[in-house]
Each structure stands twice: as C-alpha cells, then as structure tokens.
Amino acid sequence: MSRDSDNNTHTAEFDDTRCIAETTKAILVVIEGGEHWIPQSVVDDDSEVYRKGDTGKLVVSEWWALKAGLI
C-alpha cells in the first residue's frame, strides 16, 4: 500500500495483474490467480491496468481493496 501525497489518499497496489474483461463500470482482473471485478471508479490514475488486455500494476483505492477483502 502507498499514500498519495498529492491528494492525501491511500492506495493499494497489485503487481502482475491482467485485465480479462471490461464494462463501462468495471474491469475483470486476475490477481494472484483469482478473478475480481473492480469498479472503474476506484482505479487510480497511477494504475497500468484500465481495460481488457492491459497487464501490469493495478492501483486502487485502499478503502475499496479492504472492503473487497483483497488486503
């Protein structure tokens, strides 16, 4: 997890993430072998994963990752 000093928000980062599907409101990603729907609204601007086919670091709001049980 990291803290964004610009706007004082907390984020959670997941490396080696792959997006396998997307809708207008969410993306379906594979994190550590499990599939998870992630609301587009919680994906941080620093994320490398936004749409189907993207791979890399997924950055989301920490509060949401906690609520979803990802951390």
PDB file of N, CA and C in Angstrom:
ATOM      1  N   MET A   1       0.842  -1.178   0.000  1.00  0.00           N
ATOM      2  CA  MET A   1       0.000   0.000   0.000  1.00  0.00           C
ATOM      3  C   MET A   1       0.885   1.238   0.000  1.00  0.00           C
ATOM      4  N   SER A   2       0.342   2.296  -0.539  1.00  0.00           N
ATOM      5  CA  SER A   2       1.095   3.539  -0.557  1.00  0.00           C
ATOM      6  C   SER A   2       0.160   4.700  -0.293  1.00  0.00           C
ATOM      7  N   ARG A   3       0.752   5.821  -0.002  1.00  0.00           N
ATOM      8  CA  ARG A   3      -0.024   7.028   0.248  1.00  0.00           C
ATOM      9  C   ARG A   3       0.305   8.029  -0.839  1.00  0.00           C
ATOM     10  N   ASP A   4      -0.733   8.567  -1.458  1.00  0.00           N
ATOM     11  CA  ASP A   4      -0.564   9.570  -2.490  1.00  0.00           C
ATOM     12  C   ASP A   4      -0.450  10.928  -1.811  1.00  0.00           C
ATOM     13  N   SER A   5       0.738  11.517  -1.850  1.00  0.00           N
ATOM     14  CA  SER A   5       0.970  12.769  -1.133  1.00  0.00           C
ATOM     15  C   SER A   5       0.262  13.955  -1.776  1.00  0.00           C
ATOM     16  N   ASP A   6      -0.101  13.850  -3.050  1.00  0.00           N
ATOM     17  CA  ASP A   6      -0.756  14.973  -3.715  1.00  0.00           C
ATOM     18  C   ASP A   6      -2.160  15.233  -3.180  1.00  0.00           C
ATOM     19  N   ASN A   7      -2.945  14.152  -2.991  1.00  0.00           N
ATOM     20  CA  ASN A   7      -4.309  14.379  -2.535  1.00  0.00           C
ATOM     21  C   ASN A   7      -4.619  13.645  -1.241  1.00  0.00           C
ATOM     22  N   ASN A   8      -3.571  13.137  -0.561  1.00  0.00           N
ATOM     23  CA  ASN A   8      -3.719  12.562   0.767  1.00  0.00           C
ATOM     24  C   ASN A   8      -4.607  11.311   0.788  1.00  0.00           C
ATOM     25  N   THR A   9      -4.679  10.591  -0.309  1.00  0.00           N
ATOM     26  CA  THR A   9      -5.479   9.374  -0.348  1.00  0.00           C
ATOM     27  C   THR A   9      -4.575   8.159  -0.252  1.00  0.00           C
ATOM     28  N   HIS A  10      -5.142   7.068   0.184  1.00  0.00           N
ATOM     29  CA  HIS A  10      -4.402   5.825   0.315  1.00  0.00           C
ATOM     30  C   HIS A  10      -4.764   4.906  -0.845  1.00  0.00           C
ATOM     31  N   THR A  11      -3.762   4.206  -1.345  1.00  0.00           N
ATOM     32  CA  THR A  11      -3.990   3.278  -2.442  1.00  0.00           C
ATOM     33  C   THR A  11      -3.401   1.910  -2.102  1.00  0.00           C
ATOM     34  N   ALA A  12      -3.877   0.911  -2.814  1.00  0.00           N
ATOM     35  CA  ALA A  12      -3.325  -0.433  -2.734  1.00  0.00           C
ATOM     36  C   ALA A  12      -2.846  -0.799  -4.128  1.00  0.00           C
ATOM     37  N   GLU A  13      -1.679  -1.447  -4.197  1.00  0.00           N
ATOM     38  CA  GLU A  13      -1.085  -1.811  -5.483  1.00  0.00           C
ATOM     39  C   GLU A  13      -0.958  -3.317  -5.592  1.00  0.00           C
ATOM     40  N   PHE A  14      -1.256  -3.828  -6.783  1.00  0.00           N
ATOM     41  CA  PHE A  14      -1.154  -5.257  -7.062  1.00  0.00           C
ATOM     42  C   PHE A  14      -0.333  -5.424  -8.344  1.00  0.00           C
ATOM     43  N   ASP A  15       0.821  -6.069  -8.220  1.00  0.00           N
ATOM     44  CA  ASP A  15       1.694  -6.301  -9.372  1.00  0.00           C
ATOM     45  C   ASP A  15       1.200  -7.503 -10.175  1.00  0.00           C
ATOM     46  N   ASP A  16       1.679  -7.631 -11.402  1.00  0.00           N
ATOM     47  CA  ASP A  16       1.379  -8.777 -12.271  1.00  0.00           C
ATOM     48  C   ASP A  16      -0.118  -9.031 -12.393  1.00  0.00           C
ATOM     49  N   THR A  17      -0.867  -7.966 -12.624  1.00  0.00           N
ATOM     50  CA  THR A  17      -2.319  -8.050 -12.778  1.00  0.00           C
ATOM     51  C   THR A  17      -2.661  -8.027 -14.263  1.00  0.00           C
ATOM     52  N   ARG A  18      -3.702  -8.778 -14.628  1.00  0.00           N
ATOM     53  CA  ARG A  18      -4.127  -8.852 -16.034  1.00  0.00           C
ATOM     54  C   ARG A  18      -5.621  -8.600 -16.109  1.00  0.00           C
ATOM     55  N   CYS A  19      -6.045  -7.706 -16.995  1.00  0.00           N
ATOM     56  CA  CYS A  19      -7.462  -7.423 -17.204  1.00  0.00           C
ATOM     57  C   CYS A  19      -7.971  -8.331 -18.317  1.00  0.00           C
ATOM     58  N   ILE A  20      -9.025  -9.097 -18.014  1.00  0.00           N
ATOM     59  CA  ILE A  20      -9.537 -10.062 -18.992  1.00  0.00           C
ATOM     60  C   ILE A  20     -10.907  -9.683 -19.553  1.00  0.00           C
ATOM     61  N   ALA A  21     -11.553  -8.677 -18.970  1.00  0.00           N
ATOM     62  CA  ALA A  21     -12.842  -8.202 -19.488  1.00  0.00           C
ATOM     63  C   ALA A  21     -13.097  -6.810 -18.938  1.00  0.00           C
ATOM     64  N   GLU A  22     -14.010  -6.082 -19.595  1.00  0.00           N
ATOM     65  CA  GLU A  22     -14.358  -4.757 -19.112  1.00  0.00           C
ATOM     66  C   GLU A  22     -15.785  -4.411 -19.499  1.00  0.00           C
ATOM     67  N   THR A  23     -16.393  -3.567 -18.668  1.00  0.00           N
ATOM     68  CA  THR A  23     -17.678  -2.957 -18.979  1.00  0.00           C
ATOM     69  C   THR A  23     -17.489  -1.455 -18.802  1.00  0.00           C
ATOM     70  N   THR A  24     -18.541  -0.699 -18.974  1.00  0.00           N
ATOM     71  CA  THR A  24     -18.416   0.748 -18.783  1.00  0.00           C
ATOM     72  C   THR A  24     -18.211   1.103 -17.318  1.00  0.00           C
ATOM     73  N   LYS A  25     -18.553   0.185 -16.401  1.00  0.00           N
ATOM     74  CA  LYS A  25     -18.457   0.491 -14.976  1.00  0.00           C
ATOM     75  C   LYS A  25     -17.410  -0.311 -14.219  1.00  0.00           C
ATOM     76  N   ALA A  26     -16.852  -1.375 -14.818  1.00  0.00           N
ATOM     77  CA  ALA A  26     -15.912  -2.220 -14.070  1.00  0.00           C
ATOM     78  C   ALA A  26     -14.975  -2.967 -15.014  1.00  0.00           C
ATOM     79  N   ILE A  27     -13.864  -3.450 -14.421  1.00  0.00           N
ATOM     80  CA  ILE A  27     -12.940  -4.314 -15.151  1.00  0.00           C
ATOM     81  C   ILE A  27     -12.817  -5.626 -14.380  1.00  0.00           C
ATOM     82  N   LEU A  28     -12.641  -6.709 -15.124  1.00  0.00           N
ATOM     83  CA  LEU A  28     -12.426  -8.023 -14.519  1.00  0.00           C
ATOM     84  C   LEU A  28     -10.941  -8.317 -14.624  1.00  0.00           C
ATOM     85  N   VAL A  29     -10.300  -8.475 -13.460  1.00  0.00           N
ATOM     86  CA  VAL A  29      -8.850  -8.672 -13.434  1.00  0.00           C
ATOM     87  C   VAL A  29      -8.508  -9.987 -12.746  1.00  0.00           C
ATOM     88  N   VAL A  30      -7.327 -10.503 -13.105  1.00  0.00           N
ATOM     89  CA  VAL A  30      -6.774 -11.672 -12.434  1.00  0.00           C
ATOM     90  C   VAL A  30      -5.675 -11.172 -11.502  1.00  0.00           C
ATOM     91  N   ILE A  31      -5.887 -11.400 -10.199  1.00  0.00           N
ATOM     92  CA  ILE A  31      -4.922 -11.030  -9.169  1.00  0.00           C
ATOM     93  C   ILE A  31      -4.576 -12.292  -8.412  1.00  0.00           C
ATOM     94  N   GLU A  32      -3.301 -12.674  -8.428  1.00  0.00           N
ATOM     95  CA  GLU A  32      -2.814 -13.842  -7.699  1.00  0.00           C
ATOM     96  C   GLU A  32      -3.677 -15.076  -7.972  1.00  0.00           C
ATOM     97  N   GLY A  33      -4.048 -15.264  -9.238  1.00  0.00           N
ATOM     98  CA  GLY A  33      -4.790 -16.451  -9.644  1.00  0.00           C
ATOM     99  C   GLY A  33      -6.291 -16.370  -9.479  1.00  0.00           C
ATOM    100  N   GLY A  34      -6.819 -15.323  -8.831  1.00  0.00           N
ATOM    101  CA  GLY A  34      -8.263 -15.170  -8.654  1.00  0.00           C
ATOM    102  C   GLY A  34      -8.806 -14.042  -9.504  1.00  0.00           C
ATOM    103  N   GLU A  35     -10.065 -14.185  -9.937  1.00  0.00           N
ATOM    104  CA  GLU A  35     -10.707 -13.150 -10.735  1.00  0.00           C
ATOM    105  C   GLU A  35     -11.531 -12.233  -9.846  1.00  0.00           C
ATOM    106  N   HIS A  36     -11.427 -10.915 -10.106  1.00  0.00           N
ATOM    107  CA  HIS A  36     -12.126  -9.923  -9.294  1.00  0.00           C
ATOM    108  C   HIS A  36     -12.658  -8.810 -10.196  1.00  0.00           C
ATOM    109  N   TRP A  37     -13.927  -8.439  -9.993  1.00  0.00           N
ATOM    110  CA  TRP A  37     -14.478  -7.269 -10.667  1.00  0.00           C
ATOM    111  C   TRP A  37     -14.080  -6.038  -9.860  1.00  0.00           C
ATOM    112  N   ILE A  38     -13.498  -5.062 -10.545  1.00  0.00           N
ATOM    113  CA  ILE A  38     -13.037  -3.830  -9.916  1.00  0.00           C
ATOM    114  C   ILE A  38     -13.824  -2.664 -10.519  1.00  0.00           C
ATOM    115  N   PRO A  39     -14.541  -1.892  -9.700  1.00  0.00           N
ATOM    116  CA  PRO A  39     -15.244  -0.721 -10.242  1.00  0.00           C
ATOM    117  C   PRO A  39     -14.248   0.267 -10.866  1.00  0.00           C
ATOM    118  N   GLN A  40     -14.601   0.779 -12.033  1.00  0.00           N
ATOM    119  CA  GLN A  40     -13.731   1.766 -12.701  1.00  0.00           C
ATOM    120  C   GLN A  40     -13.469   2.965 -11.789  1.00  0.00           C
ATOM    121  N   SER A  41     -14.432   3.297 -10.941  1.00  0.00           N
ATOM    122  CA  SER A  41     -14.328   4.483 -10.092  1.00  0.00           C
ATOM    123  C   SER A  41     -13.256   4.371  -9.014  1.00  0.00           C
ATOM    124  N   VAL A  42     -12.772   3.167  -8.698  1.00  0.00           N
ATOM    125  CA  VAL A  42     -11.746   3.018  -7.656  1.00  0.00           C
ATOM    126  C   VAL A  42     -10.352   2.794  -8.237  1.00  0.00           C
ATOM    127  N   VAL A  43     -10.240   2.731  -9.571  1.00  0.00           N
ATOM    128  CA  VAL A  43      -8.933   2.554 -10.213  1.00  0.00           C
ATOM    129  C   VAL A  43      -8.220   3.901 -10.220  1.00  0.00           C
ATOM    130  N   ASP A  44      -7.012   3.933  -9.669  1.00  0.00           N
ATOM    131  CA  ASP A  44      -6.226   5.152  -9.539  1.00  0.00           C
ATOM    132  C   ASP A  44      -5.588   5.542 -10.868  1.00  0.00           C
ATOM    133  N   ASP A  45      -5.316   6.827 -11.036  1.00  0.00           N
ATOM    134  CA  ASP A  45      -4.665   7.334 -12.250  1.00  0.00           C
ATOM    135  C   ASP A  45      -3.279   6.730 -12.460  1.00  0.00           C
ATOM    136  N   ASP A  46      -2.620   6.278 -11.390  1.00  0.00           N
ATOM    137  CA  ASP A  46      -1.287   5.686 -11.500  1.00  0.00           C
ATOM    138  C   ASP A  46      -1.322   4.219 -11.943  1.00  0.00           C
ATOM    139  N   SER A  47      -2.505   3.648 -12.093  1.00  0.00           N
ATOM    140  CA  SER A  47      -2.626   2.244 -12.478  1.00  0.00           C
ATOM    141  C   SER A  47      -2.185   2.031 -13.923  1.00  0.00           C
ATOM    142  N   GLU A  48      -1.576   0.874 -14.181  1.00  0.00           N
ATOM    143  CA  GLU A  48      -1.209   0.490 -15.550  1.00  0.00           C
ATOM    144  C   GLU A  48      -2.306  -0.365 -16.184  1.00  0.00           C
ATOM    145  N   VAL A  49      -3.266  -0.784 -15.380  1.00  0.00           N
ATOM    146  CA  VAL A  49      -4.337  -1.672 -15.842  1.00  0.00           C
ATOM    147  C   VAL A  49      -5.658  -0.907 -15.802  1.00  0.00           C
ATOM    148  N   TYR A  50      -6.247  -0.696 -16.999  1.00  0.00           N
ATOM    149  CA  TYR A  50      -7.504   0.053 -17.124  1.00  0.00           C
ATOM    150  C   TYR A  50      -8.548  -0.673 -17.954  1.00  0.00           C
ATOM    151  N   ARG A  51      -8.091  -1.453 -18.936  1.00  0.00           N
ATOM    152  CA  ARG A  51      -9.029  -2.050 -19.898  1.00  0.00           C
ATOM    153  C   ARG A  51      -8.572  -3.442 -20.300  1.00  0.00           C
ATOM    154  N   LYS A  52      -9.452  -4.153 -20.984  1.00  0.00           N
ATOM    155  CA  LYS A  52      -9.175  -5.520 -21.421  1.00  0.00           C
ATOM    156  C   LYS A  52      -7.859  -5.577 -22.189  1.00  0.00           C
ATOM    157  N   GLY A  53      -7.016  -6.525 -21.803  1.00  0.00           N
ATOM    158  CA  GLY A  53      -5.730  -6.707 -22.456  1.00  0.00           C
ATOM    159  C   GLY A  53      -4.570  -6.057 -21.716  1.00  0.00           C
ATOM    160  N   ASP A  54      -4.864  -5.125 -20.815  1.00  0.00           N
ATOM    161  CA  ASP A  54      -3.801  -4.473 -20.048  1.00  0.00           C
ATOM    162  C   ASP A  54      -3.199  -5.449 -19.038  1.00  0.00           C
ATOM    163  N   THR A  55      -1.895  -5.342 -18.832  1.00  0.00           N
ATOM    164  CA  THR A  55      -1.207  -6.122 -17.800  1.00  0.00           C
ATOM    165  C   THR A  55      -0.247  -5.188 -17.066  1.00  0.00           C
ATOM    166  N   GLY A  56       0.040  -5.525 -15.824  1.00  0.00           N
ATOM    167  CA  GLY A  56       0.981  -4.713 -15.050  1.00  0.00           C
ATOM    168  C   GLY A  56       0.464  -4.448 -13.663  1.00  0.00           C
ATOM    169  N   LYS A  57       0.792  -3.266 -13.165  1.00  0.00           N
ATOM    170  CA  LYS A  57       0.442  -2.873 -11.798  1.00  0.00           C
ATOM    171  C   LYS A  57      -0.971  -2.282 -11.775  1.00  0.00           C
ATOM    172  N   LEU A  58      -1.812  -2.834 -10.918  1.00  0.00           N
ATOM    173  CA  LEU A  58      -3.147  -2.291 -10.689  1.00  0.00           C
ATOM    174  C   LEU A  58      -3.100  -1.472  -9.401  1.00  0.00           C
ATOM    175  N   VAL A  59      -3.569  -0.237  -9.461  1.00  0.00           N
ATOM    176  CA  VAL A  59      -3.603   0.638  -8.287  1.00  0.00           C
ATOM    177  C   VAL A  59      -5.054   1.035  -8.054  1.00  0.00           C
ATOM    178  N   VAL A  60      -5.558   0.722  -6.846  1.00  0.00           N
ATOM    179  CA  VAL A  60      -6.949   1.023  -6.500  1.00  0.00           C
ATOM    180  C   VAL A  60      -7.003   1.723  -5.148  1.00  0.00           C
ATOM    181  N   SER A  61      -8.150   2.281  -4.826  1.00  0.00           N
ATOM    182  CA  SER A  61      -8.357   2.909  -3.523  1.00  0.00           C
ATOM    183  C   SER A  61      -8.209   1.871  -2.418  1.00  0.00           C
ATOM    184  N   GLU A  62      -7.456   2.235  -1.383  1.00  0.00           N
ATOM    185  CA  GLU A  62      -7.221   1.319  -0.274  1.00  0.00           C
ATOM    186  C   GLU A  62      -8.522   0.911   0.413  1.00  0.00           C
ATOM    187  N   TRP A  63      -9.449   1.860   0.616  1.00  0.00           N
ATOM    188  CA  TRP A  63     -10.692   1.533   1.312  1.00  0.00           C
ATOM    189  C   TRP A  63     -11.457   0.455   0.565  1.00  0.00           C
ATOM    190  N   TRP A  64     -11.444   0.538  -0.774  1.00  0.00           N
ATOM    191  CA  TRP A  64     -12.175  -0.459  -1.561  1.00  0.00           C
ATOM    192  C   TRP A  64     -11.476  -1.821  -1.485  1.00  0.00           C
ATOM    193  N   ALA A  65     -10.159  -1.846  -1.579  1.00  0.00           N
ATOM    194  CA  ALA A  65      -9.419  -3.111  -1.504  1.00  0.00           C
ATOM    195  C   ALA A  65      -9.664  -3.804  -0.169  1.00  0.00           C
ATOM    196  N   LEU A  66      -9.735  -3.030   0.915  1.00  0.00           N
ATOM    197  CA  LEU A  66     -10.061  -3.593   2.223  1.00  0.00           C
ATOM    198  C   LEU A  66     -11.470  -4.168   2.243  1.00  0.00           C
ATOM    199  N   LYS A  67     -12.415  -3.398   1.729  1.00  0.00           N
ATOM    200  CA  LYS A  67     -13.820  -3.829   1.688  1.00  0.00           C
ATOM    201  C   LYS A  67     -13.991  -5.089   0.859  1.00  0.00           C
ATOM    202  N   ALA A  68     -13.231  -5.194  -0.243  1.00  0.00           N
ATOM    203  CA  ALA A  68     -13.329  -6.359  -1.135  1.00  0.00           C
ATOM    204  C   ALA A  68     -12.547  -7.562  -0.621  1.00  0.00           C
ATOM    205  N   GLY A  69     -11.781  -7.376   0.454  1.00  0.00           N
ATOM    206  CA  GLY A  69     -11.006  -8.475   1.007  1.00  0.00           C
ATOM    207  C   GLY A  69      -9.736  -8.791   0.252  1.00  0.00           C
ATOM    208  N   LEU A  70      -9.263  -7.843  -0.539  1.00  0.00           N
ATOM    209  CA  LEU A  70      -8.029  -8.050  -1.309  1.00  0.00           C
ATOM    210  C   LEU A  70      -6.786  -7.799  -0.471  1.00  0.00           C
ATOM    211  N   ILE A  71      -6.936  -7.042   0.609  1.00  0.00           N
ATOM    212  CA  ILE A  71      -5.829  -6.786   1.534  1.00  0.00           C
ATOM    213  C   ILE A  71      -6.316  -6.955   2.959  1.00  0.00           C
TER     214      ILE A  71
END
